[in-house]
Amino acid sequence: MLTCAAAVVAPIAGAQTLSGNSLRVGVGGDGSLINSADTSQTPDAFNSQWSVNPGIIWDGSGTGNFSVNNDFITPGTPFQMYSIGVGSNYATASFINNADSGYSAGGWAPQLGGTTVQTGTRSTVTTGSYGGLDYSQTLSFGASSSIINFGITLTNNSASDISGVSFATGLDPDPDVYQYEASSSSDVYNTINQVISPGVVEATGPLTGNSIFIQDVSGGGTASIIGNWPQFDPTTNGLLTSGENDGNGDFSIFDDWQVGTIAAGTSTTINYNYIINATPVGVGGPIPTVPDGGATLAMVAAAFTGLAIMRRRMVRA
């Protein structure tokens, strides 16, 4: 059961899908990922739950062929979000359980602006305001890149300082599901997860070896792996500030920033990346070892020995 202190508002129009040579990224009308207005992805014959909405689809050939739905975040109960907090209050832009779910407090209504598609870069800009702050998110990736860059600017245009500012982002990674659900009896929703550094977290599919990172670029982020998801609260009242590490399983990954005080008339910027099948620059930690493409399902099952059996894609309270 999904709970939040703020009220649910209607999905916002203006969603976009950006395509390069390696990535197709669906962006909702509130700037969160997964474009519910785009139903262009072909459902699979064996799986009625195959999403027709693009989230983060990867083409390893780098040729822009997205006919095979290799989506990392739409299987099962799709989930991706970002949240802004001021004091103990917060608002979220998110996609959860096949529906856009904006959470509103104090008139929160982020709006996705126009899409820019150039030779080198695909990008969108989302703007809004919350808690006295003006908000801007620039999402971009290069034509042949597998790294999605996010630039968040929080501006205090008031005459007074605003304290207790926080921000968070997170997603539920499922890189194995669409490639293996037809033939695998194992839990294809599980991932091998690790917090590599305080602001960098990774999830890897044990069957495909496909990985997704959230990488804090600007500094000050706290990465976490949480089994009790979805989580939305970026403030000190929530789990996202704890650096919780629940290990391997059907879990979600997050990054949280405790910004603190933004003085009157000033701005602060948060930069982070979603990275698909590439090692983040400056990250030297070990990458989880996963079976290669010829691995048997028995080998995969052995990799998860000792894991608690997780309920298949249910929304956690």
C-alpha atoms as a PDB file:
ATOM      1  CA  MET A   1       0.000   0.000   0.000  1.00  0.00           C
ATOM      2  CA  LEU A   2       1.382   3.359  -1.056  1.00  0.00           C
ATOM      3  CA  THR A   3       1.132   6.140   1.485  1.00  0.00           C
ATOM      4  CA  CYS A   4       2.217   9.752   1.537  1.00  0.00           C
ATOM      5  CA  ALA A   5       1.180  12.735   3.563  1.00  0.00           C
ATOM      6  CA  ALA A   6       0.580  14.820   0.458  1.00  0.00           C
ATOM      7  CA  ALA A   7      -2.346  14.557  -1.929  1.00  0.00           C
ATOM      8  CA  VAL A   8      -2.193  12.798  -5.281  1.00  0.00           C
ATOM      9  CA  VAL A   9      -2.610  15.064  -8.275  1.00  0.00           C
ATOM     10  CA  ALA A  10      -3.465  14.194 -11.866  1.00  0.00           C
ATOM     11  CA  PRO A  11      -0.707  13.279 -14.336  1.00  0.00           C
ATOM     12  CA  ILE A  12       0.729  16.264 -16.147  1.00  0.00           C
ATOM     13  CA  ALA A  13       0.708  16.490 -19.940  1.00  0.00           C
ATOM     14  CA  GLY A  14       3.786  17.021 -22.063  1.00  0.00           C
ATOM     15  CA  ALA A  15       5.623  13.705 -21.718  1.00  0.00           C
ATOM     16  CA  GLN A  16       8.536  13.039 -24.079  1.00  0.00           C
ATOM     17  CA  THR A  17      10.594  10.103 -25.352  1.00  0.00           C
ATOM     18  CA  LEU A  18      14.245  10.716 -26.220  1.00  0.00           C
ATOM     19  CA  SER A  19      16.143   8.256 -28.424  1.00  0.00           C
ATOM     20  CA  GLY A  20      19.839   7.978 -29.156  1.00  0.00           C
ATOM     21  CA  ASN A  21      21.991   5.158 -30.485  1.00  0.00           C
ATOM     22  CA  SER A  22      22.267   3.330 -27.149  1.00  0.00           C
ATOM     23  CA  LEU A  23      19.389   4.674 -25.058  1.00  0.00           C
ATOM     24  CA  ARG A  24      15.683   5.348 -25.375  1.00  0.00           C
ATOM     25  CA  VAL A  25      14.433   7.266 -22.330  1.00  0.00           C
ATOM     26  CA  GLY A  26      10.799   7.984 -21.526  1.00  0.00           C
ATOM     27  CA  VAL A  27      10.215  11.163 -19.522  1.00  0.00           C
ATOM     28  CA  GLY A  28       6.849  11.816 -17.887  1.00  0.00           C
ATOM     29  CA  GLY A  29       5.074  15.149 -17.849  1.00  0.00           C
ATOM     30  CA  ASP A  30       6.443  15.874 -14.365  1.00  0.00           C
ATOM     31  CA  GLY A  31      10.061  15.092 -15.286  1.00  0.00           C
ATOM     32  CA  SER A  32      10.141  11.648 -13.686  1.00  0.00           C
ATOM     33  CA  LEU A  33      11.088   8.730 -15.910  1.00  0.00           C
ATOM     34  CA  ILE A  34       8.717   6.411 -17.827  1.00  0.00           C
ATOM     35  CA  ASN A  35       6.496   8.009 -20.444  1.00  0.00           C
ATOM     36  CA  SER A  36       2.956   6.719 -19.880  1.00  0.00           C
ATOM     37  CA  ALA A  37       1.744   8.682 -22.928  1.00  0.00           C
ATOM     38  CA  ASP A  38       4.023   6.657 -25.232  1.00  0.00           C
ATOM     39  CA  THR A  39       2.709   3.152 -25.991  1.00  0.00           C
ATOM     40  CA  SER A  40       5.122   2.397 -28.827  1.00  0.00           C
ATOM     41  CA  GLN A  41       6.981  -0.530 -27.247  1.00  0.00           C
ATOM     42  CA  THR A  42       5.710  -3.854 -28.570  1.00  0.00           C
ATOM     43  CA  PRO A  43       4.279  -6.198 -25.906  1.00  0.00           C
ATOM     44  CA  ASP A  44       5.832  -9.637 -25.723  1.00  0.00           C
ATOM     45  CA  ALA A  45       3.749 -12.696 -26.623  1.00  0.00           C
ATOM     46  CA  PHE A  46       4.574 -14.610 -23.443  1.00  0.00           C
ATOM     47  CA  ASN A  47       4.190 -11.788 -20.959  1.00  0.00           C
ATOM     48  CA  SER A  48       1.021  -9.744 -20.669  1.00  0.00           C
ATOM     49  CA  GLN A  49       2.789  -7.520 -18.122  1.00  0.00           C
ATOM     50  CA  TRP A  50       5.333  -6.349 -20.694  1.00  0.00           C
ATOM     51  CA  SER A  51       5.200  -2.576 -20.569  1.00  0.00           C
ATOM     52  CA  VAL A  52       4.436  -0.612 -23.718  1.00  0.00           C
ATOM     53  CA  ASN A  53       5.731   2.555 -22.013  1.00  0.00           C
ATOM     54  CA  PRO A  54       9.442   3.356 -22.417  1.00  0.00           C
ATOM     55  CA  GLY A  55      11.512   3.923 -19.289  1.00  0.00           C
ATOM     56  CA  ILE A  56      15.235   3.276 -19.823  1.00  0.00           C
ATOM     57  CA  ILE A  57      15.738   0.988 -22.825  1.00  0.00           C
ATOM     58  CA  TRP A  58      19.292   0.006 -23.756  1.00  0.00           C
ATOM     59  CA  ASP A  59      20.613  -1.149 -27.134  1.00  0.00           C
ATOM     60  CA  GLY A  60      23.988  -2.779 -26.639  1.00  0.00           C
ATOM     61  CA  SER A  61      24.736  -2.657 -30.370  1.00  0.00           C
ATOM     62  CA  GLY A  62      24.693   1.137 -30.332  1.00  0.00           C
ATOM     63  CA  THR A  63      22.616   1.232 -33.502  1.00  0.00           C
ATOM     64  CA  GLY A  64      19.387   2.636 -32.081  1.00  0.00           C
ATOM     65  CA  ASN A  65      17.507  -0.644 -32.504  1.00  0.00           C
ATOM     66  CA  PHE A  66      14.903  -0.692 -29.733  1.00  0.00           C
ATOM     67  CA  SER A  67      12.636  -3.338 -31.265  1.00  0.00           C
ATOM     68  CA  VAL A  68      13.716  -5.662 -28.426  1.00  0.00           C
ATOM     69  CA  ASN A  69      12.385  -4.138 -25.223  1.00  0.00           C
ATOM     70  CA  ASN A  70      15.466  -4.277 -23.017  1.00  0.00           C
ATOM     71  CA  ASP A  71      13.960  -1.870 -20.481  1.00  0.00           C
ATOM     72  CA  PHE A  72      15.711  -1.651 -17.123  1.00  0.00           C
ATOM     73  CA  ILE A  73      12.896  -0.111 -15.039  1.00  0.00           C
ATOM     74  CA  THR A  74       9.443  -0.966 -16.428  1.00  0.00           C
ATOM     75  CA  PRO A  75       8.994  -4.684 -15.583  1.00  0.00           C
ATOM     76  CA  GLY A  76       6.614  -5.715 -12.812  1.00  0.00           C
ATOM     77  CA  THR A  77       5.789  -2.682 -10.683  1.00  0.00           C
ATOM     78  CA  PRO A  78       7.670   0.138 -12.460  1.00  0.00           C
ATOM     79  CA  PHE A  79       9.123   2.718 -10.085  1.00  0.00           C
ATOM     80  CA  GLN A  80      11.237   5.850 -10.490  1.00  0.00           C
ATOM     81  CA  MET A  81      11.078   9.115  -8.578  1.00  0.00           C
ATOM     82  CA  TYR A  82      12.665  12.355  -7.455  1.00  0.00           C
ATOM     83  CA  SER A  83      11.670  14.356  -4.370  1.00  0.00           C
ATOM     84  CA  ILE A  84      12.276  17.818  -2.931  1.00  0.00           C
ATOM     85  CA  GLY A  85      12.093  18.437   0.803  1.00  0.00           C
ATOM     86  CA  VAL A  86      11.868  21.628   2.856  1.00  0.00           C
ATOM     87  CA  GLY A  87      12.009  21.041   6.592  1.00  0.00           C
ATOM     88  CA  SER A  88       9.916  17.952   7.345  1.00  0.00           C
ATOM     89  CA  ASN A  89       7.692  18.386   4.275  1.00  0.00           C
ATOM     90  CA  TYR A  90       8.342  17.077   0.790  1.00  0.00           C
ATOM     91  CA  ALA A  91       6.844  16.602  -2.667  1.00  0.00           C
ATOM     92  CA  THR A  92       7.511  13.895  -5.243  1.00  0.00           C
ATOM     93  CA  ALA A  93       7.376  13.456  -9.001  1.00  0.00           C
ATOM     94  CA  SER A  94       7.186   9.754  -9.718  1.00  0.00           C
ATOM     95  CA  PHE A  95       6.017   6.797 -11.749  1.00  0.00           C
ATOM     96  CA  ILE A  96       4.786   3.891  -9.623  1.00  0.00           C
ATOM     97  CA  ASN A  97       2.771   0.786 -10.476  1.00  0.00           C
ATOM     98  CA  ASN A  98       1.873   1.757 -14.059  1.00  0.00           C
ATOM     99  CA  ALA A  99       0.640   5.249 -13.197  1.00  0.00           C
ATOM    100  CA  ASP A 100       2.104   8.723 -12.969  1.00  0.00           C
ATOM    101  CA  SER A 101       1.805   9.806  -9.341  1.00  0.00           C
ATOM    102  CA  GLY A 102       2.650  13.395  -8.497  1.00  0.00           C
ATOM    103  CA  TYR A 103       2.464  14.243  -4.806  1.00  0.00           C
ATOM    104  CA  SER A 104       1.441  17.810  -4.097  1.00  0.00           C
ATOM    105  CA  ALA A 105       1.961  20.027  -1.104  1.00  0.00           C
ATOM    106  CA  GLY A 106       1.966  23.784  -1.447  1.00  0.00           C
ATOM    107  CA  GLY A 107       1.112  23.826  -5.134  1.00  0.00           C
ATOM    108  CA  TRP A 108       3.767  21.419  -6.410  1.00  0.00           C
ATOM    109  CA  ALA A 109       3.204  20.995 -10.142  1.00  0.00           C
ATOM    110  CA  PRO A 110       6.450  20.430 -12.066  1.00  0.00           C
ATOM    111  CA  GLN A 111       6.061  20.912 -15.799  1.00  0.00           C
ATOM    112  CA  LEU A 112       8.162  19.274 -18.492  1.00  0.00           C
ATOM    113  CA  GLY A 113       9.184  21.819 -21.082  1.00  0.00           C
ATOM    114  CA  GLY A 114      10.297  21.380 -24.664  1.00  0.00           C
ATOM    115  CA  THR A 115      12.608  18.658 -25.885  1.00  0.00           C
ATOM    116  CA  THR A 116      15.878  19.501 -27.608  1.00  0.00           C
ATOM    117  CA  VAL A 117      17.267  16.911 -30.018  1.00  0.00           C
ATOM    118  CA  GLN A 118      20.588  17.866 -31.517  1.00  0.00           C
ATOM    119  CA  THR A 119      23.334  15.878 -33.221  1.00  0.00           C
ATOM    120  CA  GLY A 120      25.230  15.422 -29.975  1.00  0.00           C
ATOM    121  CA  THR A 121      22.662  15.671 -27.196  1.00  0.00           C
ATOM    122  CA  ARG A 122      19.075  14.775 -26.335  1.00  0.00           C
ATOM    123  CA  SER A 123      17.654  16.816 -23.472  1.00  0.00           C
ATOM    124  CA  THR A 124      14.566  17.988 -21.627  1.00  0.00           C
ATOM    125  CA  VAL A 125      14.000  20.671 -18.994  1.00  0.00           C
ATOM    126  CA  THR A 126      11.440  20.444 -16.190  1.00  0.00           C
ATOM    127  CA  THR A 127      10.561  23.435 -14.005  1.00  0.00           C
ATOM    128  CA  GLY A 128       8.382  24.009 -10.960  1.00  0.00           C
ATOM    129  CA  SER A 129       8.344  25.436  -7.460  1.00  0.00           C
ATOM    130  CA  TYR A 130       7.975  24.020  -3.979  1.00  0.00           C
ATOM    131  CA  GLY A 131       8.372  25.322  -0.452  1.00  0.00           C
ATOM    132  CA  GLY A 132       9.542  28.743  -1.625  1.00  0.00           C
ATOM    133  CA  LEU A 133      12.115  27.236  -4.000  1.00  0.00           C
ATOM    134  CA  ASP A 134      12.147  27.399  -7.782  1.00  0.00           C
ATOM    135  CA  TYR A 135      13.157  24.088  -9.315  1.00  0.00           C
ATOM    136  CA  SER A 136      14.782  23.201 -12.620  1.00  0.00           C
ATOM    137  CA  GLN A 137      15.833  19.770 -13.867  1.00  0.00           C
ATOM    138  CA  THR A 138      17.860  19.315 -17.037  1.00  0.00           C
ATOM    139  CA  LEU A 139      17.981  15.697 -18.234  1.00  0.00           C
ATOM    140  CA  SER A 140      20.372  14.955 -21.078  1.00  0.00           C
ATOM    141  CA  PHE A 141      22.449  12.263 -22.770  1.00  0.00           C
ATOM    142  CA  GLY A 142      24.699  12.135 -25.787  1.00  0.00           C
ATOM    143  CA  ALA A 143      23.681  10.515 -29.059  1.00  0.00           C
ATOM    144  CA  SER A 144      25.911   7.490 -28.448  1.00  0.00           C
ATOM    145  CA  SER A 145      26.071   7.667 -24.665  1.00  0.00           C
ATOM    146  CA  SER A 146      24.687   5.224 -22.114  1.00  0.00           C
ATOM    147  CA  ILE A 147      24.854   7.836 -19.333  1.00  0.00           C
ATOM    148  CA  ILE A 148      21.838   9.983 -18.443  1.00  0.00           C
ATOM    149  CA  ASN A 149      22.909  13.271 -16.833  1.00  0.00           C
ATOM    150  CA  PHE A 150      20.652  15.115 -14.402  1.00  0.00           C
ATOM    151  CA  GLY A 151      21.294  18.716 -13.405  1.00  0.00           C
ATOM    152  CA  ILE A 152      19.073  20.004 -10.589  1.00  0.00           C
ATOM    153  CA  THR A 153      19.008  23.692  -9.672  1.00  0.00           C
ATOM    154  CA  LEU A 154      17.172  24.862  -6.554  1.00  0.00           C
ATOM    155  CA  THR A 155      16.806  28.651  -6.340  1.00  0.00           C
ATOM    156  CA  ASN A 156      15.636  30.745  -3.427  1.00  0.00           C
ATOM    157  CA  ASN A 157      14.122  33.885  -4.924  1.00  0.00           C
ATOM    158  CA  SER A 158      12.611  34.988  -1.634  1.00  0.00           C
ATOM    159  CA  ALA A 159      13.910  37.595   0.801  1.00  0.00           C
ATOM    160  CA  SER A 160      14.605  35.019   3.525  1.00  0.00           C
ATOM    161  CA  ASP A 161      16.859  32.002   3.885  1.00  0.00           C
ATOM    162  CA  ILE A 162      15.217  28.592   3.423  1.00  0.00           C
ATOM    163  CA  SER A 163      16.566  25.859   5.689  1.00  0.00           C
ATOM    164  CA  GLY A 164      16.242  22.092   5.793  1.00  0.00           C
ATOM    165  CA  VAL A 165      16.382  21.646   2.013  1.00  0.00           C
ATOM    166  CA  SER A 166      16.788  18.077   0.720  1.00  0.00           C
ATOM    167  CA  PHE A 167      16.562  16.143  -2.529  1.00  0.00           C
ATOM    168  CA  ALA A 168      16.448  12.472  -3.502  1.00  0.00           C
ATOM    169  CA  THR A 169      16.149  10.204  -6.511  1.00  0.00           C
ATOM    170  CA  GLY A 170      15.575   6.471  -6.845  1.00  0.00           C
ATOM    171  CA  LEU A 171      14.368   3.596  -8.995  1.00  0.00           C
ATOM    172  CA  ASP A 172      13.583  -0.098  -9.018  1.00  0.00           C
ATOM    173  CA  PRO A 173      16.090  -1.903 -11.283  1.00  0.00           C
ATOM    174  CA  ASP A 174      14.947  -4.955 -13.280  1.00  0.00           C
ATOM    175  CA  PRO A 175      17.547  -5.512 -16.012  1.00  0.00           C
ATOM    176  CA  ASP A 176      16.951  -9.294 -16.353  1.00  0.00           C
ATOM    177  CA  VAL A 177      13.181  -9.559 -16.595  1.00  0.00           C
ATOM    178  CA  TYR A 178      12.345  -8.952 -20.239  1.00  0.00           C
ATOM    179  CA  GLN A 179      15.238 -11.127 -21.453  1.00  0.00           C
ATOM    180  CA  TYR A 180      14.693 -14.152 -19.213  1.00  0.00           C
ATOM    181  CA  GLU A 181      11.181 -14.286 -17.789  1.00  0.00           C
ATOM    182  CA  ALA A 182       9.928 -16.794 -20.376  1.00  0.00           C
ATOM    183  CA  SER A 183      12.546 -19.458 -19.633  1.00  0.00           C
ATOM    184  CA  SER A 184      13.713 -18.834 -16.097  1.00  0.00           C
ATOM    185  CA  SER A 185      12.201 -20.364 -12.994  1.00  0.00           C
ATOM    186  CA  SER A 186      14.372 -18.231 -10.751  1.00  0.00           C
ATOM    187  CA  ASP A 187      13.331 -14.840  -9.435  1.00  0.00           C
ATOM    188  CA  VAL A 188      14.320 -12.661 -12.362  1.00  0.00           C
ATOM    189  CA  TYR A 189      13.440  -9.564 -10.372  1.00  0.00           C
ATOM    190  CA  ASN A 190      16.424 -10.002  -8.029  1.00  0.00           C
ATOM    191  CA  THR A 191      19.585  -7.966  -8.576  1.00  0.00           C
ATOM    192  CA  ILE A 192      23.100  -8.075  -7.148  1.00  0.00           C
ATOM    193  CA  ASN A 193      23.452  -4.720  -5.399  1.00  0.00           C
ATOM    194  CA  GLN A 194      26.233  -2.743  -3.808  1.00  0.00           C
ATOM    195  CA  VAL A 195      26.953   0.713  -2.453  1.00  0.00           C
ATOM    196  CA  ILE A 196      30.320   1.438  -4.045  1.00  0.00           C
ATOM    197  CA  SER A 197      30.965   4.763  -2.315  1.00  0.00           C
ATOM    198  CA  PRO A 198      28.839   7.116  -0.191  1.00  0.00           C
ATOM    199  CA  GLY A 199      27.059   8.542  -3.253  1.00  0.00           C
ATOM    200  CA  VAL A 200      27.317   5.695  -5.766  1.00  0.00           C
ATOM    201  CA  VAL A 201      25.074   2.618  -5.855  1.00  0.00           C
ATOM    202  CA  GLU A 202      24.814  -0.191  -8.420  1.00  0.00           C
ATOM    203  CA  ALA A 203      22.359  -2.953  -9.296  1.00  0.00           C
ATOM    204  CA  THR A 204      23.329  -5.791 -11.663  1.00  0.00           C
ATOM    205  CA  GLY A 205      21.168  -8.513 -13.193  1.00  0.00           C
ATOM    206  CA  PRO A 206      22.719 -11.925 -12.465  1.00  0.00           C
ATOM    207  CA  LEU A 207      21.389 -13.412 -15.713  1.00  0.00           C
ATOM    208  CA  THR A 208      22.258 -10.705 -18.235  1.00  0.00           C
ATOM    209  CA  GLY A 209      25.113  -8.997 -16.403  1.00  0.00           C
ATOM    210  CA  ASN A 210      23.414  -5.683 -17.238  1.00  0.00           C
ATOM    211  CA  SER A 211      23.952  -2.997 -14.632  1.00  0.00           C
ATOM    212  CA  ILE A 212      22.592   0.398 -13.676  1.00  0.00           C
ATOM    213  CA  PHE A 213      24.292   2.915 -11.383  1.00  0.00           C
ATOM    214  CA  ILE A 214      23.104   6.045  -9.639  1.00  0.00           C
ATOM    215  CA  GLN A 215      26.195   8.229  -9.341  1.00  0.00           C
ATOM    216  CA  ASP A 216      26.424  11.399  -7.281  1.00  0.00           C
ATOM    217  CA  VAL A 217      28.555  13.825  -9.276  1.00  0.00           C
ATOM    218  CA  SER A 218      28.279  17.041  -7.261  1.00  0.00           C
ATOM    219  CA  GLY A 219      29.120  15.452  -3.888  1.00  0.00           C
ATOM    220  CA  GLY A 220      27.330  15.069  -0.579  1.00  0.00           C
ATOM    221  CA  GLY A 221      24.997  12.281  -1.667  1.00  0.00           C
ATOM    222  CA  THR A 222      24.019   9.277   0.445  1.00  0.00           C
ATOM    223  CA  ALA A 223      23.396   6.095  -1.524  1.00  0.00           C
ATOM    224  CA  SER A 224      21.143   3.311  -0.260  1.00  0.00           C
ATOM    225  CA  ILE A 225      19.683  -0.082  -1.154  1.00  0.00           C
ATOM    226  CA  ILE A 226      16.232  -0.533   0.360  1.00  0.00           C
ATOM    227  CA  GLY A 227      13.987  -3.584   0.322  1.00  0.00           C
ATOM    228  CA  ASN A 228      11.009  -1.767   1.815  1.00  0.00           C
ATOM    229  CA  TRP A 229      10.087   0.252  -1.243  1.00  0.00           C
ATOM    230  CA  PRO A 230       8.798   2.537  -2.652  1.00  0.00           C
ATOM    231  CA  GLN A 231      10.362   5.318  -0.611  1.00  0.00           C
ATOM    232  CA  PHE A 232       9.831   8.998  -1.358  1.00  0.00           C
ATOM    233  CA  ASP A 233      10.770  11.083   1.709  1.00  0.00           C
ATOM    234  CA  PRO A 234      14.128  12.894   1.185  1.00  0.00           C
ATOM    235  CA  THR A 235      14.066  14.557   4.610  1.00  0.00           C
ATOM    236  CA  THR A 236      15.687  13.343   7.824  1.00  0.00           C
ATOM    237  CA  ASN A 237      12.334  11.744   8.706  1.00  0.00           C
ATOM    238  CA  GLY A 238      12.769   9.164   5.938  1.00  0.00           C
ATOM    239  CA  LEU A 239      14.952   6.109   5.296  1.00  0.00           C
ATOM    240  CA  LEU A 240      16.833   7.679   2.404  1.00  0.00           C
ATOM    241  CA  THR A 241      19.243   9.605   4.649  1.00  0.00           C
ATOM    242  CA  SER A 242      20.335   6.471   6.525  1.00  0.00           C
ATOM    243  CA  GLY A 243      22.575   4.878   3.923  1.00  0.00           C
ATOM    244  CA  GLU A 244      20.688   1.628   4.451  1.00  0.00           C
ATOM    245  CA  ASN A 245      22.180  -1.332   2.610  1.00  0.00           C
ATOM    246  CA  ASP A 246      19.838  -4.312   2.366  1.00  0.00           C
ATOM    247  CA  GLY A 247      22.137  -6.189  -0.013  1.00  0.00           C
ATOM    248  CA  ASN A 248      20.978  -8.410  -2.869  1.00  0.00           C
ATOM    249  CA  GLY A 249      17.371  -9.003  -3.826  1.00  0.00           C
ATOM    250  CA  ASP A 250      14.312  -7.388  -5.340  1.00  0.00           C
ATOM    251  CA  PHE A 251      15.246  -3.995  -3.937  1.00  0.00           C
ATOM    252  CA  SER A 252      15.345  -0.355  -5.049  1.00  0.00           C
ATOM    253  CA  ILE A 253      18.350   1.970  -5.147  1.00  0.00           C
ATOM    254  CA  PHE A 254      18.465   5.630  -4.105  1.00  0.00           C
ATOM    255  CA  ASP A 255      20.625   8.715  -3.620  1.00  0.00           C
ATOM    256  CA  ASP A 256      19.765  11.471  -1.133  1.00  0.00           C
ATOM    257  CA  TRP A 257      21.239  14.948  -0.600  1.00  0.00           C
ATOM    258  CA  GLN A 258      20.826  16.993   2.580  1.00  0.00           C
ATOM    259  CA  VAL A 259      21.385  20.421   1.082  1.00  0.00           C
ATOM    260  CA  GLY A 260      20.731  22.403   4.266  1.00  0.00           C
ATOM    261  CA  THR A 261      20.152  26.163   3.966  1.00  0.00           C
ATOM    262  CA  ILE A 262      19.823  28.059   0.698  1.00  0.00           C
ATOM    263  CA  ALA A 263      20.339  31.740   1.364  1.00  0.00           C
ATOM    264  CA  ALA A 264      17.966  34.356   0.008  1.00  0.00           C
ATOM    265  CA  GLY A 265      18.672  35.171  -3.617  1.00  0.00           C
ATOM    266  CA  THR A 266      21.007  32.213  -4.180  1.00  0.00           C
ATOM    267  CA  SER A 267      20.913  28.792  -5.843  1.00  0.00           C
ATOM    268  CA  THR A 268      22.403  25.372  -5.308  1.00  0.00           C
ATOM    269  CA  THR A 269      22.996  22.679  -7.918  1.00  0.00           C
ATOM    270  CA  ILE A 270      22.907  18.887  -7.625  1.00  0.00           C
ATOM    271  CA  ASN A 271      24.338  16.760 -10.405  1.00  0.00           C
ATOM    272  CA  TYR A 272      23.968  13.006 -10.738  1.00  0.00           C
ATOM    273  CA  ASN A 273      23.982  10.311 -13.403  1.00  0.00           C
ATOM    274  CA  TYR A 274      22.049   7.181 -14.221  1.00  0.00           C
ATOM    275  CA  ILE A 275      24.660   4.955 -15.889  1.00  0.00           C
ATOM    276  CA  ILE A 276      23.789   1.888 -17.973  1.00  0.00           C
ATOM    277  CA  ASN A 277      26.450  -0.814 -18.417  1.00  0.00           C
ATOM    278  CA  ALA A 278      29.445   1.432 -17.867  1.00  0.00           C
ATOM    279  CA  THR A 279      31.702   2.023 -14.873  1.00  0.00           C
ATOM    280  CA  PRO A 280      31.320   5.546 -13.457  1.00  0.00           C
ATOM    281  CA  VAL A 281      34.349   7.779 -13.860  1.00  0.00           C
ATOM    282  CA  GLY A 282      36.327   7.921 -10.629  1.00  0.00           C
ATOM    283  CA  VAL A 283      34.737   4.805  -9.169  1.00  0.00           C
ATOM    284  CA  GLY A 284      37.302   2.145  -8.372  1.00  0.00           C
ATOM    285  CA  GLY A 285      35.245  -0.330  -6.366  1.00  0.00           C
ATOM    286  CA  PRO A 286      34.811  -3.913  -7.524  1.00  0.00           C
ATOM    287  CA  ILE A 287      31.945  -4.688  -9.868  1.00  0.00           C
ATOM    288  CA  PRO A 288      29.832  -7.700  -8.800  1.00  0.00           C
ATOM    289  CA  THR A 289      30.763 -10.891 -10.598  1.00  0.00           C
ATOM    290  CA  VAL A 290      27.847 -12.248 -12.607  1.00  0.00           C
ATOM    291  CA  PRO A 291      27.466 -15.345 -14.781  1.00  0.00           C
ATOM    292  CA  ASP A 292      28.183 -14.879 -18.476  1.00  0.00           C
ATOM    293  CA  GLY A 293      25.595 -15.434 -21.175  1.00  0.00           C
ATOM    294  CA  GLY A 294      26.171 -19.195 -21.156  1.00  0.00           C
ATOM    295  CA  ALA A 295      25.621 -19.640 -17.435  1.00  0.00           C
ATOM    296  CA  THR A 296      23.065 -22.174 -16.367  1.00  0.00           C
ATOM    297  CA  LEU A 297      20.103 -21.276 -14.234  1.00  0.00           C
ATOM    298  CA  ALA A 298      21.584 -23.469 -11.520  1.00  0.00           C
ATOM    299  CA  MET A 299      24.606 -21.177 -11.393  1.00  0.00           C
ATOM    300  CA  VAL A 300      22.322 -18.179 -11.130  1.00  0.00           C
ATOM    301  CA  ALA A 301      20.352 -19.780  -8.327  1.00  0.00           C
ATOM    302  CA  ALA A 302      23.610 -20.475  -6.482  1.00  0.00           C
ATOM    303  CA  ALA A 303      24.500 -16.796  -6.683  1.00  0.00           C
ATOM    304  CA  PHE A 304      21.406 -16.047  -4.648  1.00  0.00           C
ATOM    305  CA  THR A 305      21.824 -18.759  -2.005  1.00  0.00           C
ATOM    306  CA  GLY A 306      20.795 -17.322   1.324  1.00  0.00           C
ATOM    307  CA  LEU A 307      18.596 -14.586  -0.120  1.00  0.00           C
ATOM    308  CA  ALA A 308      15.173 -14.240   1.412  1.00  0.00           C
ATOM    309  CA  ILE A 309      12.387 -15.056  -1.000  1.00  0.00           C
ATOM    310  CA  MET A 310      10.865 -11.798  -2.029  1.00  0.00           C
ATOM    311  CA  ARG A 311       7.277 -11.339  -3.072  1.00  0.00           C
ATOM    312  CA  ARG A 312       7.097 -10.832  -6.796  1.00  0.00           C
ATOM    313  CA  ARG A 313       6.774  -7.160  -7.539  1.00  0.00           C
ATOM    314  CA  MET A 314       4.359  -5.990  -4.908  1.00  0.00           C
ATOM    315  CA  VAL A 315       4.241  -2.397  -3.756  1.00  0.00           C
ATOM    316  CA  ARG A 316       5.599  -2.282  -0.242  1.00  0.00           C
ATOM    317  CA  ALA A 317       4.034  -0.246   2.537  1.00  0.00           C
END
